[in-house]
């Protein structure tokens, strides 16, 4: 039986990945931060503080997995500006500790959930694996450090891949993310339980995909013949305003513009105007392709939130 270890197992991606691997007959171990976090049934949970240092290496040496998926992170760019030190420890230094332990164990496939934020204010669009790395936030900088580490260990002979994930959503996305904040508000406003929605930059454009598709890419990278860097994206960018429009219309709200307020307090420093990725390498090497388009993704999230409001 193949043994996998997932950090960030209780998050959106971690839960989908755990389900995928369990269905494939894997023995799945997952790292959790708090004892009260809900773990996918069938996952062997290990409580670890990635910011403390030392603990994750001990778990890796104890479990001795065949595959390691590092999904744990301070996942909010906004939060990374509030706490850059913790962001650096978890998104960067913890990856160094994992890679060192994996190298010591030997014969382990390591997959890093990298991020489009490593490109920051990119000088080309769409971005590819060869696009210059120039992060514009503490989150992006820490992810860029980890991305570089993975490349260094791969060059030294380790099976280590970075899967550069663009924005990806699902009904499991926490409401702290703008996408779920939008779909949740659309459902509540449609039900008469909320009046307005406050947002930041409506013009920011992102390449939004379906989270289960992106988790599938992580697994494909782990079982590929050769390690590498892989951009995972749809190649199509939409604005935050587009997301609001589709979400509110799905919820049956025609006058959506009259329900939106913008706040400078919600603007992110150094926010890239547009991100869009070219997943050609993943398509040709991994056989990967997205299964849901933008409108379907938003509709799935709104429908799930409408169901929650009705319950």
C-alpha atoms as a PDB file:
ATOM      1  CA  UNK A   1       0.000   0.000   0.000  1.00  0.00           C
ATOM      2  CA  UNK A   2       1.324   3.418  -0.977  1.00  0.00           C
ATOM      3  CA  UNK A   3       1.686   5.763   1.995  1.00  0.00           C
ATOM      4  CA  UNK A   4       1.075   9.488   1.562  1.00  0.00           C
ATOM      5  CA  UNK A   5       1.469  12.377   3.975  1.00  0.00           C
ATOM      6  CA  UNK A   6      -0.464  15.603   3.437  1.00  0.00           C
ATOM      7  CA  UNK A   7       0.260  18.837   5.267  1.00  0.00           C
ATOM      8  CA  UNK A   8      -2.732  21.162   5.434  1.00  0.00           C
ATOM      9  CA  UNK A   9      -5.018  18.121   5.275  1.00  0.00           C
ATOM     10  CA  UNK A  10      -7.990  19.954   6.805  1.00  0.00           C
ATOM     11  CA  UNK A  11      -8.013  22.752   4.227  1.00  0.00           C
ATOM     12  CA  UNK A  12      -9.962  22.915   0.981  1.00  0.00           C
ATOM     13  CA  UNK A  13      -7.260  21.220  -1.098  1.00  0.00           C
ATOM     14  CA  UNK A  14      -6.171  18.854   1.647  1.00  0.00           C
ATOM     15  CA  UNK A  15      -9.662  17.429   2.100  1.00  0.00           C
ATOM     16  CA  UNK A  16     -10.143  16.856  -1.631  1.00  0.00           C
ATOM     17  CA  UNK A  17      -6.678  15.297  -1.944  1.00  0.00           C
ATOM     18  CA  UNK A  18      -7.263  13.003   1.035  1.00  0.00           C
ATOM     19  CA  UNK A  19     -10.495  11.758  -0.529  1.00  0.00           C
ATOM     20  CA  UNK A  20      -8.766  11.181  -3.880  1.00  0.00           C
ATOM     21  CA  UNK A  21      -5.905   9.198  -2.352  1.00  0.00           C
ATOM     22  CA  UNK A  22      -8.112   7.154  -0.021  1.00  0.00           C
ATOM     23  CA  UNK A  23     -10.293   6.198  -2.986  1.00  0.00           C
ATOM     24  CA  UNK A  24      -7.118   5.058  -4.739  1.00  0.00           C
ATOM     25  CA  UNK A  25      -6.219   2.678  -1.917  1.00  0.00           C
ATOM     26  CA  UNK A  26      -3.574   4.843  -0.229  1.00  0.00           C
ATOM     27  CA  UNK A  27      -2.731   4.911   3.450  1.00  0.00           C
ATOM     28  CA  UNK A  28      -3.080   8.625   4.157  1.00  0.00           C
ATOM     29  CA  UNK A  29      -1.500  10.572   7.004  1.00  0.00           C
ATOM     30  CA  UNK A  30      -2.291  14.239   7.564  1.00  0.00           C
ATOM     31  CA  UNK A  31      -0.837  17.049   9.634  1.00  0.00           C
ATOM     32  CA  UNK A  32      -3.209  19.204  11.654  1.00  0.00           C
ATOM     33  CA  UNK A  33      -2.487  22.316  13.658  1.00  0.00           C
ATOM     34  CA  UNK A  34      -5.268  22.091  16.241  1.00  0.00           C
ATOM     35  CA  UNK A  35      -6.712  18.969  17.900  1.00  0.00           C
ATOM     36  CA  UNK A  36     -10.248  20.173  17.183  1.00  0.00           C
ATOM     37  CA  UNK A  37      -9.820  20.317  13.407  1.00  0.00           C
ATOM     38  CA  UNK A  38     -12.046  17.937  11.463  1.00  0.00           C
ATOM     39  CA  UNK A  39     -10.060  15.396   9.458  1.00  0.00           C
ATOM     40  CA  UNK A  40     -11.370  13.347   6.537  1.00  0.00           C
ATOM     41  CA  UNK A  41     -12.451   9.908   7.826  1.00  0.00           C
ATOM     42  CA  UNK A  42      -9.744   7.355   7.162  1.00  0.00           C
ATOM     43  CA  UNK A  43      -6.848   9.819   7.523  1.00  0.00           C
ATOM     44  CA  UNK A  44      -4.305   9.187  10.290  1.00  0.00           C
ATOM     45  CA  UNK A  45      -3.908  12.604  11.940  1.00  0.00           C
ATOM     46  CA  UNK A  46      -0.712  14.015  13.446  1.00  0.00           C
ATOM     47  CA  UNK A  47      -0.778  17.287  15.352  1.00  0.00           C
ATOM     48  CA  UNK A  48       2.155  19.472  14.276  1.00  0.00           C
ATOM     49  CA  UNK A  49       2.983  23.160  14.599  1.00  0.00           C
ATOM     50  CA  UNK A  50       4.871  23.918  11.382  1.00  0.00           C
ATOM     51  CA  UNK A  51       5.962  27.264  12.762  1.00  0.00           C
ATOM     52  CA  UNK A  52       7.741  25.694  15.739  1.00  0.00           C
ATOM     53  CA  UNK A  53      10.445  23.786  13.868  1.00  0.00           C
ATOM     54  CA  UNK A  54      11.574  20.208  14.381  1.00  0.00           C
ATOM     55  CA  UNK A  55       8.183  18.563  14.659  1.00  0.00           C
ATOM     56  CA  UNK A  56       7.428  17.940  10.985  1.00  0.00           C
ATOM     57  CA  UNK A  57      10.787  16.256  10.412  1.00  0.00           C
ATOM     58  CA  UNK A  58      10.104  13.874  13.294  1.00  0.00           C
ATOM     59  CA  UNK A  59       6.724  12.894  11.827  1.00  0.00           C
ATOM     60  CA  UNK A  60       8.206  12.323   8.376  1.00  0.00           C
ATOM     61  CA  UNK A  61      10.917  10.066   9.768  1.00  0.00           C
ATOM     62  CA  UNK A  62       8.301   8.147  11.767  1.00  0.00           C
ATOM     63  CA  UNK A  63       5.740   7.679   8.974  1.00  0.00           C
ATOM     64  CA  UNK A  64       8.302   7.245   6.162  1.00  0.00           C
ATOM     65  CA  UNK A  65       5.784   8.048   3.411  1.00  0.00           C
ATOM     66  CA  UNK A  66       6.164   7.267  -0.281  1.00  0.00           C
ATOM     67  CA  UNK A  67       4.625  10.605  -1.270  1.00  0.00           C
ATOM     68  CA  UNK A  68       4.551  13.952   0.539  1.00  0.00           C
ATOM     69  CA  UNK A  69       2.177  16.748  -0.452  1.00  0.00           C
ATOM     70  CA  UNK A  70       2.923  20.083   1.189  1.00  0.00           C
ATOM     71  CA  UNK A  71      -0.297  22.104   1.099  1.00  0.00           C
ATOM     72  CA  UNK A  72       0.019  23.837   4.480  1.00  0.00           C
ATOM     73  CA  UNK A  73       0.487  27.589   4.358  1.00  0.00           C
ATOM     74  CA  UNK A  74      -0.538  30.956   5.640  1.00  0.00           C
ATOM     75  CA  UNK A  75      -2.829  31.119   2.643  1.00  0.00           C
ATOM     76  CA  UNK A  76      -3.960  34.739   2.674  1.00  0.00           C
ATOM     77  CA  UNK A  77      -1.906  37.443   0.970  1.00  0.00           C
ATOM     78  CA  UNK A  78      -3.645  40.008   3.172  1.00  0.00           C
ATOM     79  CA  UNK A  79      -2.766  38.060   6.322  1.00  0.00           C
ATOM     80  CA  UNK A  80       0.846  37.756   5.197  1.00  0.00           C
ATOM     81  CA  UNK A  81       1.167  41.528   5.427  1.00  0.00           C
ATOM     82  CA  UNK A  82      -0.224  41.415   8.968  1.00  0.00           C
ATOM     83  CA  UNK A  83       2.151  38.648  10.102  1.00  0.00           C
ATOM     84  CA  UNK A  84       5.118  38.284   7.721  1.00  0.00           C
ATOM     85  CA  UNK A  85       7.239  36.372  10.273  1.00  0.00           C
ATOM     86  CA  UNK A  86       4.766  33.524  10.690  1.00  0.00           C
ATOM     87  CA  UNK A  87       4.238  33.517   6.927  1.00  0.00           C
ATOM     88  CA  UNK A  88       7.978  33.125   6.392  1.00  0.00           C
ATOM     89  CA  UNK A  89       8.260  30.304   8.915  1.00  0.00           C
ATOM     90  CA  UNK A  90       5.328  28.236   7.620  1.00  0.00           C
ATOM     91  CA  UNK A  91       5.427  28.998   3.895  1.00  0.00           C
ATOM     92  CA  UNK A  92       9.208  28.965   3.623  1.00  0.00           C
ATOM     93  CA  UNK A  93      11.323  27.584   6.467  1.00  0.00           C
ATOM     94  CA  UNK A  94       9.007  24.633   7.143  1.00  0.00           C
ATOM     95  CA  UNK A  95       9.505  23.546   3.541  1.00  0.00           C
ATOM     96  CA  UNK A  96      13.260  23.542   4.062  1.00  0.00           C
ATOM     97  CA  UNK A  97      12.791  21.281   7.074  1.00  0.00           C
ATOM     98  CA  UNK A  98      10.563  18.888   5.124  1.00  0.00           C
ATOM     99  CA  UNK A  99      12.927  18.664   2.174  1.00  0.00           C
ATOM    100  CA  UNK A 100      15.896  17.954   4.440  1.00  0.00           C
ATOM    101  CA  UNK A 101      13.963  15.154   6.186  1.00  0.00           C
ATOM    102  CA  UNK A 102      12.761  13.695   2.882  1.00  0.00           C
ATOM    103  CA  UNK A 103      16.304  13.668   1.552  1.00  0.00           C
ATOM    104  CA  UNK A 104      17.419  11.831   4.689  1.00  0.00           C
ATOM    105  CA  UNK A 105      14.664   9.208   4.320  1.00  0.00           C
ATOM    106  CA  UNK A 106      15.284   8.712   0.610  1.00  0.00           C
ATOM    107  CA  UNK A 107      13.016   7.395  -2.173  1.00  0.00           C
ATOM    108  CA  UNK A 108      10.177   9.809  -1.384  1.00  0.00           C
ATOM    109  CA  UNK A 109       8.248  11.858  -3.938  1.00  0.00           C
ATOM    110  CA  UNK A 110       7.716  15.435  -2.738  1.00  0.00           C
ATOM    111  CA  UNK A 111       5.101  17.765  -4.224  1.00  0.00           C
ATOM    112  CA  UNK A 112       5.000  21.421  -3.226  1.00  0.00           C
ATOM    113  CA  UNK A 113       1.819  23.455  -3.648  1.00  0.00           C
ATOM    114  CA  UNK A 114       3.443  26.552  -5.115  1.00  0.00           C
ATOM    115  CA  UNK A 115       1.494  29.665  -6.081  1.00  0.00           C
ATOM    116  CA  UNK A 116       0.975  32.121  -8.900  1.00  0.00           C
ATOM    117  CA  UNK A 117       1.884  34.788  -6.337  1.00  0.00           C
ATOM    118  CA  UNK A 118       5.560  33.927  -6.916  1.00  0.00           C
ATOM    119  CA  UNK A 119       5.255  35.815 -10.218  1.00  0.00           C
ATOM    120  CA  UNK A 120       3.816  38.929  -8.565  1.00  0.00           C
ATOM    121  CA  UNK A 121       3.646  41.786 -11.051  1.00  0.00           C
ATOM    122  CA  UNK A 122       4.579  39.548 -13.976  1.00  0.00           C
ATOM    123  CA  UNK A 123       6.021  41.120 -17.102  1.00  0.00           C
ATOM    124  CA  UNK A 124       4.153  38.689 -19.373  1.00  0.00           C
ATOM    125  CA  UNK A 125       0.703  37.146 -19.591  1.00  0.00           C
ATOM    126  CA  UNK A 126      -0.102  34.346 -19.478  1.00  0.00           C
ATOM    127  CA  UNK A 127       2.686  33.177 -17.185  1.00  0.00           C
ATOM    128  CA  UNK A 128       4.613  29.936 -17.731  1.00  0.00           C
ATOM    129  CA  UNK A 129       7.150  27.931 -15.737  1.00  0.00           C
ATOM    130  CA  UNK A 130       9.837  30.181 -17.246  1.00  0.00           C
ATOM    131  CA  UNK A 131       8.267  33.496 -16.207  1.00  0.00           C
ATOM    132  CA  UNK A 132      10.532  35.593 -13.982  1.00  0.00           C
ATOM    133  CA  UNK A 133       9.865  35.193 -10.256  1.00  0.00           C
ATOM    134  CA  UNK A 134       9.227  38.618  -8.736  1.00  0.00           C
ATOM    135  CA  UNK A 135       6.861  38.415  -5.734  1.00  0.00           C
ATOM    136  CA  UNK A 136       5.118  41.518  -4.438  1.00  0.00           C
ATOM    137  CA  UNK A 137       3.934  40.306  -1.004  1.00  0.00           C
ATOM    138  CA  UNK A 138       5.345  38.425   2.000  1.00  0.00           C
ATOM    139  CA  UNK A 139       3.169  35.476   0.952  1.00  0.00           C
ATOM    140  CA  UNK A 140       4.604  35.461  -2.561  1.00  0.00           C
ATOM    141  CA  UNK A 141       8.165  35.922  -1.277  1.00  0.00           C
ATOM    142  CA  UNK A 142       7.900  32.973   1.132  1.00  0.00           C
ATOM    143  CA  UNK A 143       6.367  30.796  -1.575  1.00  0.00           C
ATOM    144  CA  UNK A 144       9.154  31.855  -3.949  1.00  0.00           C
ATOM    145  CA  UNK A 145      11.772  30.773  -1.395  1.00  0.00           C
ATOM    146  CA  UNK A 146      10.097  27.370  -1.066  1.00  0.00           C
ATOM    147  CA  UNK A 147       9.805  27.116  -4.849  1.00  0.00           C
ATOM    148  CA  UNK A 148      13.523  27.740  -5.183  1.00  0.00           C
ATOM    149  CA  UNK A 149      14.316  25.149  -2.523  1.00  0.00           C
ATOM    150  CA  UNK A 150      12.311  22.498  -4.371  1.00  0.00           C
ATOM    151  CA  UNK A 151      14.267  23.258  -7.528  1.00  0.00           C
ATOM    152  CA  UNK A 152      17.568  23.019  -5.667  1.00  0.00           C
ATOM    153  CA  UNK A 153      16.723  19.636  -4.129  1.00  0.00           C
ATOM    154  CA  UNK A 154      15.471  18.374  -7.500  1.00  0.00           C
ATOM    155  CA  UNK A 155      18.763  19.390  -9.080  1.00  0.00           C
ATOM    156  CA  UNK A 156      20.514  17.396  -6.343  1.00  0.00           C
ATOM    157  CA  UNK A 157      18.628  14.249  -7.382  1.00  0.00           C
ATOM    158  CA  UNK A 158      15.402  14.288  -5.339  1.00  0.00           C
ATOM    159  CA  UNK A 159      11.992  13.659  -6.903  1.00  0.00           C
ATOM    160  CA  UNK A 160      10.646  17.110  -5.991  1.00  0.00           C
ATOM    161  CA  UNK A 161       8.018  18.992  -7.975  1.00  0.00           C
ATOM    162  CA  UNK A 162       6.442  22.425  -7.630  1.00  0.00           C
ATOM    163  CA  UNK A 163       2.871  22.655  -8.831  1.00  0.00           C
ATOM    164  CA  UNK A 164       2.223  26.358  -9.399  1.00  0.00           C
ATOM    165  CA  UNK A 165      -1.440  26.687  -8.541  1.00  0.00           C
ATOM    166  CA  UNK A 166      -3.494  29.630  -9.725  1.00  0.00           C
ATOM    167  CA  UNK A 167      -6.639  30.624  -7.821  1.00  0.00           C
ATOM    168  CA  UNK A 168      -8.935  27.638  -7.374  1.00  0.00           C
ATOM    169  CA  UNK A 169     -12.276  27.541  -5.641  1.00  0.00           C
ATOM    170  CA  UNK A 170     -15.046  25.274  -4.375  1.00  0.00           C
ATOM    171  CA  UNK A 171     -17.844  25.284  -1.793  1.00  0.00           C
ATOM    172  CA  UNK A 172     -15.184  24.208   0.735  1.00  0.00           C
ATOM    173  CA  UNK A 173     -13.343  27.518   0.416  1.00  0.00           C
ATOM    174  CA  UNK A 174     -13.457  29.390   3.772  1.00  0.00           C
ATOM    175  CA  UNK A 175     -15.400  32.642   3.936  1.00  0.00           C
ATOM    176  CA  UNK A 176     -12.150  34.496   4.692  1.00  0.00           C
ATOM    177  CA  UNK A 177     -11.425  34.274   0.948  1.00  0.00           C
ATOM    178  CA  UNK A 178     -13.065  36.882  -1.270  1.00  0.00           C
ATOM    179  CA  UNK A 179     -14.685  34.313  -3.560  1.00  0.00           C
ATOM    180  CA  UNK A 180     -16.562  32.536  -0.788  1.00  0.00           C
ATOM    181  CA  UNK A 181     -17.307  35.879   0.853  1.00  0.00           C
ATOM    182  CA  UNK A 182     -19.046  36.854  -2.397  1.00  0.00           C
ATOM    183  CA  UNK A 183     -21.052  33.644  -2.869  1.00  0.00           C
ATOM    184  CA  UNK A 184     -22.059  33.543   0.789  1.00  0.00           C
ATOM    185  CA  UNK A 185     -23.218  37.164   0.625  1.00  0.00           C
ATOM    186  CA  UNK A 186     -25.175  36.504  -2.578  1.00  0.00           C
ATOM    187  CA  UNK A 187     -27.049  33.684  -0.844  1.00  0.00           C
ATOM    188  CA  UNK A 188     -27.720  35.717   2.301  1.00  0.00           C
ATOM    189  CA  UNK A 189     -28.875  38.799   0.373  1.00  0.00           C
ATOM    190  CA  UNK A 190     -31.153  36.640  -1.793  1.00  0.00           C
ATOM    191  CA  UNK A 191     -32.663  35.228   1.412  1.00  0.00           C
ATOM    192  CA  UNK A 192     -33.154  38.709   2.897  1.00  0.00           C
ATOM    193  CA  UNK A 193     -30.657  38.039   5.683  1.00  0.00           C
ATOM    194  CA  UNK A 194     -27.984  40.538   4.568  1.00  0.00           C
ATOM    195  CA  UNK A 195     -28.242  43.933   2.918  1.00  0.00           C
ATOM    196  CA  UNK A 196     -24.868  44.748   1.380  1.00  0.00           C
ATOM    197  CA  UNK A 197     -21.395  43.399   0.575  1.00  0.00           C
ATOM    198  CA  UNK A 198     -18.156  45.307   1.143  1.00  0.00           C
ATOM    199  CA  UNK A 199     -15.191  44.495  -1.105  1.00  0.00           C
ATOM    200  CA  UNK A 200     -11.794  45.895  -2.065  1.00  0.00           C
ATOM    201  CA  UNK A 201     -10.429  46.035  -5.605  1.00  0.00           C
ATOM    202  CA  UNK A 202     -13.134  44.980  -8.045  1.00  0.00           C
ATOM    203  CA  UNK A 203     -10.795  45.373 -11.025  1.00  0.00           C
ATOM    204  CA  UNK A 204      -8.246  42.747  -9.975  1.00  0.00           C
ATOM    205  CA  UNK A 205      -8.250  39.906 -12.502  1.00  0.00           C
ATOM    206  CA  UNK A 206      -7.511  36.305 -11.588  1.00  0.00           C
ATOM    207  CA  UNK A 207      -7.388  32.929 -13.313  1.00  0.00           C
ATOM    208  CA  UNK A 208      -9.975  30.925 -11.334  1.00  0.00           C
ATOM    209  CA  UNK A 209     -10.206  27.129 -11.517  1.00  0.00           C
ATOM    210  CA  UNK A 210     -12.018  24.271  -9.794  1.00  0.00           C
ATOM    211  CA  UNK A 211     -10.244  22.997  -6.667  1.00  0.00           C
ATOM    212  CA  UNK A 212     -10.783  19.240  -7.293  1.00  0.00           C
ATOM    213  CA  UNK A 213      -9.163  19.678 -10.727  1.00  0.00           C
ATOM    214  CA  UNK A 214      -6.114  21.296  -9.148  1.00  0.00           C
ATOM    215  CA  UNK A 215      -5.830  18.550  -6.529  1.00  0.00           C
ATOM    216  CA  UNK A 216      -5.876  16.035  -9.377  1.00  0.00           C
ATOM    217  CA  UNK A 217      -2.877  17.890 -10.818  1.00  0.00           C
ATOM    218  CA  UNK A 218      -0.991  17.532  -7.534  1.00  0.00           C
ATOM    219  CA  UNK A 219      -1.448  13.763  -7.625  1.00  0.00           C
ATOM    220  CA  UNK A 220      -0.513  13.552 -11.292  1.00  0.00           C
ATOM    221  CA  UNK A 221       2.726  15.378 -10.503  1.00  0.00           C
ATOM    222  CA  UNK A 222       3.496  12.913  -7.703  1.00  0.00           C
ATOM    223  CA  UNK A 223       3.117   9.839  -9.926  1.00  0.00           C
ATOM    224  CA  UNK A 224       4.691  11.329 -13.064  1.00  0.00           C
ATOM    225  CA  UNK A 225       7.735   9.741 -14.660  1.00  0.00           C
ATOM    226  CA  UNK A 226       9.898  12.794 -13.936  1.00  0.00           C
ATOM    227  CA  UNK A 227       9.681  15.691 -11.434  1.00  0.00           C
ATOM    228  CA  UNK A 228       9.386  19.296 -12.551  1.00  0.00           C
ATOM    229  CA  UNK A 229       7.573  22.606 -12.253  1.00  0.00           C
ATOM    230  CA  UNK A 230       4.012  22.730 -13.564  1.00  0.00           C
ATOM    231  CA  UNK A 231       1.687  25.718 -13.935  1.00  0.00           C
ATOM    232  CA  UNK A 232      -1.904  24.716 -13.191  1.00  0.00           C
ATOM    233  CA  UNK A 233      -4.398  27.238 -14.540  1.00  0.00           C
ATOM    234  CA  UNK A 234      -7.292  27.676 -16.958  1.00  0.00           C
ATOM    235  CA  UNK A 235      -5.584  30.381 -19.013  1.00  0.00           C
ATOM    236  CA  UNK A 236      -8.587  32.719 -18.705  1.00  0.00           C
ATOM    237  CA  UNK A 237      -8.708  35.676 -16.315  1.00  0.00           C
ATOM    238  CA  UNK A 238     -11.838  37.270 -14.864  1.00  0.00           C
ATOM    239  CA  UNK A 239     -12.242  40.306 -12.630  1.00  0.00           C
ATOM    240  CA  UNK A 240     -13.579  40.298  -9.093  1.00  0.00           C
ATOM    241  CA  UNK A 241     -16.492  42.280 -10.506  1.00  0.00           C
ATOM    242  CA  UNK A 242     -17.152  39.423 -12.955  1.00  0.00           C
ATOM    243  CA  UNK A 243     -17.249  37.028 -10.007  1.00  0.00           C
ATOM    244  CA  UNK A 244     -19.740  39.251  -8.173  1.00  0.00           C
ATOM    245  CA  UNK A 245     -21.968  39.618 -11.232  1.00  0.00           C
ATOM    246  CA  UNK A 246     -22.142  35.892 -11.987  1.00  0.00           C
ATOM    247  CA  UNK A 247     -22.660  34.998  -8.313  1.00  0.00           C
ATOM    248  CA  UNK A 248     -25.429  37.516  -7.675  1.00  0.00           C
ATOM    249  CA  UNK A 249     -27.218  36.716 -10.931  1.00  0.00           C
ATOM    250  CA  UNK A 250     -27.073  33.014 -10.037  1.00  0.00           C
ATOM    251  CA  UNK A 251     -28.734  33.880  -6.722  1.00  0.00           C
ATOM    252  CA  UNK A 252     -31.454  35.806  -8.567  1.00  0.00           C
ATOM    253  CA  UNK A 253     -30.259  39.325  -7.684  1.00  0.00           C
ATOM    254  CA  UNK A 254     -30.550  41.609 -10.709  1.00  0.00           C
ATOM    255  CA  UNK A 255     -29.591  44.892  -9.025  1.00  0.00           C
ATOM    256  CA  UNK A 256     -26.248  43.590  -7.767  1.00  0.00           C
ATOM    257  CA  UNK A 257     -24.359  46.839  -8.394  1.00  0.00           C
ATOM    258  CA  UNK A 258     -26.582  48.602  -5.857  1.00  0.00           C
ATOM    259  CA  UNK A 259     -25.596  46.041  -3.196  1.00  0.00           C
ATOM    260  CA  UNK A 260     -21.801  46.510  -3.372  1.00  0.00           C
ATOM    261  CA  UNK A 261     -19.623  48.895  -1.362  1.00  0.00           C
ATOM    262  CA  UNK A 262     -15.878  49.281  -1.843  1.00  0.00           C
ATOM    263  CA  UNK A 263     -13.413  49.970   0.956  1.00  0.00           C
ATOM    264  CA  UNK A 264      -9.800  51.119   0.784  1.00  0.00           C
ATOM    265  CA  UNK A 265      -9.194  49.157   3.970  1.00  0.00           C
ATOM    266  CA  UNK A 266      -9.680  45.937   2.001  1.00  0.00           C
ATOM    267  CA  UNK A 267      -7.106  46.787  -0.666  1.00  0.00           C
ATOM    268  CA  UNK A 268      -3.916  44.683  -0.631  1.00  0.00           C
ATOM    269  CA  UNK A 269      -0.502  46.410  -0.969  1.00  0.00           C
ATOM    270  CA  UNK A 270       1.314  45.473  -4.178  1.00  0.00           C
ATOM    271  CA  UNK A 271      -1.657  43.526  -5.526  1.00  0.00           C
ATOM    272  CA  UNK A 272      -1.013  42.248  -9.056  1.00  0.00           C
ATOM    273  CA  UNK A 273      -3.512  43.676 -11.537  1.00  0.00           C
ATOM    274  CA  UNK A 274      -3.897  40.420 -13.475  1.00  0.00           C
ATOM    275  CA  UNK A 275      -2.834  36.800 -13.211  1.00  0.00           C
ATOM    276  CA  UNK A 276      -3.367  34.155 -15.887  1.00  0.00           C
ATOM    277  CA  UNK A 277      -1.429  30.947 -16.367  1.00  0.00           C
ATOM    278  CA  UNK A 278      -0.399  28.798 -19.321  1.00  0.00           C
ATOM    279  CA  UNK A 279      -0.799  25.115 -18.349  1.00  0.00           C
ATOM    280  CA  UNK A 280       0.603  23.708 -21.605  1.00  0.00           C
ATOM    281  CA  UNK A 281       3.339  21.723 -19.828  1.00  0.00           C
ATOM    282  CA  UNK A 282       0.828  20.148 -17.433  1.00  0.00           C
ATOM    283  CA  UNK A 283      -1.471  19.271 -20.314  1.00  0.00           C
ATOM    284  CA  UNK A 284       1.251  17.626 -22.391  1.00  0.00           C
ATOM    285  CA  UNK A 285       3.335  16.034 -19.616  1.00  0.00           C
ATOM    286  CA  UNK A 286       0.732  15.157 -16.985  1.00  0.00           C
ATOM    287  CA  UNK A 287      -2.313  14.763 -19.215  1.00  0.00           C
ATOM    288  CA  UNK A 288      -4.118  17.320 -17.063  1.00  0.00           C
ATOM    289  CA  UNK A 289      -6.993  19.582 -18.102  1.00  0.00           C
ATOM    290  CA  UNK A 290      -9.619  21.593 -16.206  1.00  0.00           C
ATOM    291  CA  UNK A 291     -13.172  20.227 -16.141  1.00  0.00           C
ATOM    292  CA  UNK A 292     -15.211  23.281 -15.027  1.00  0.00           C
ATOM    293  CA  UNK A 293     -15.332  26.745 -16.536  1.00  0.00           C
ATOM    294  CA  UNK A 294     -15.681  30.003 -14.621  1.00  0.00           C
ATOM    295  CA  UNK A 295     -19.477  30.260 -14.677  1.00  0.00           C
ATOM    296  CA  UNK A 296     -19.881  26.649 -13.525  1.00  0.00           C
ATOM    297  CA  UNK A 297     -17.448  27.150 -10.639  1.00  0.00           C
ATOM    298  CA  UNK A 298     -19.286  30.228  -9.382  1.00  0.00           C
ATOM    299  CA  UNK A 299     -22.644  28.523  -9.830  1.00  0.00           C
ATOM    300  CA  UNK A 300     -21.519  25.491  -7.807  1.00  0.00           C
ATOM    301  CA  UNK A 301     -20.422  27.725  -4.946  1.00  0.00           C
ATOM    302  CA  UNK A 302     -23.575  29.852  -4.966  1.00  0.00           C
ATOM    303  CA  UNK A 303     -25.833  26.793  -5.112  1.00  0.00           C
ATOM    304  CA  UNK A 304     -24.038  25.286  -2.109  1.00  0.00           C
ATOM    305  CA  UNK A 305     -24.406  28.513  -0.120  1.00  0.00           C
ATOM    306  CA  UNK A 306     -28.066  28.849  -1.071  1.00  0.00           C
ATOM    307  CA  UNK A 307     -28.620  25.316   0.243  1.00  0.00           C
ATOM    308  CA  UNK A 308     -26.904  26.241   3.510  1.00  0.00           C
ATOM    309  CA  UNK A 309     -29.071  29.337   3.910  1.00  0.00           C
ATOM    310  CA  UNK A 310     -32.227  27.294   3.373  1.00  0.00           C
ATOM    311  CA  UNK A 311     -31.263  24.618   5.936  1.00  0.00           C
END
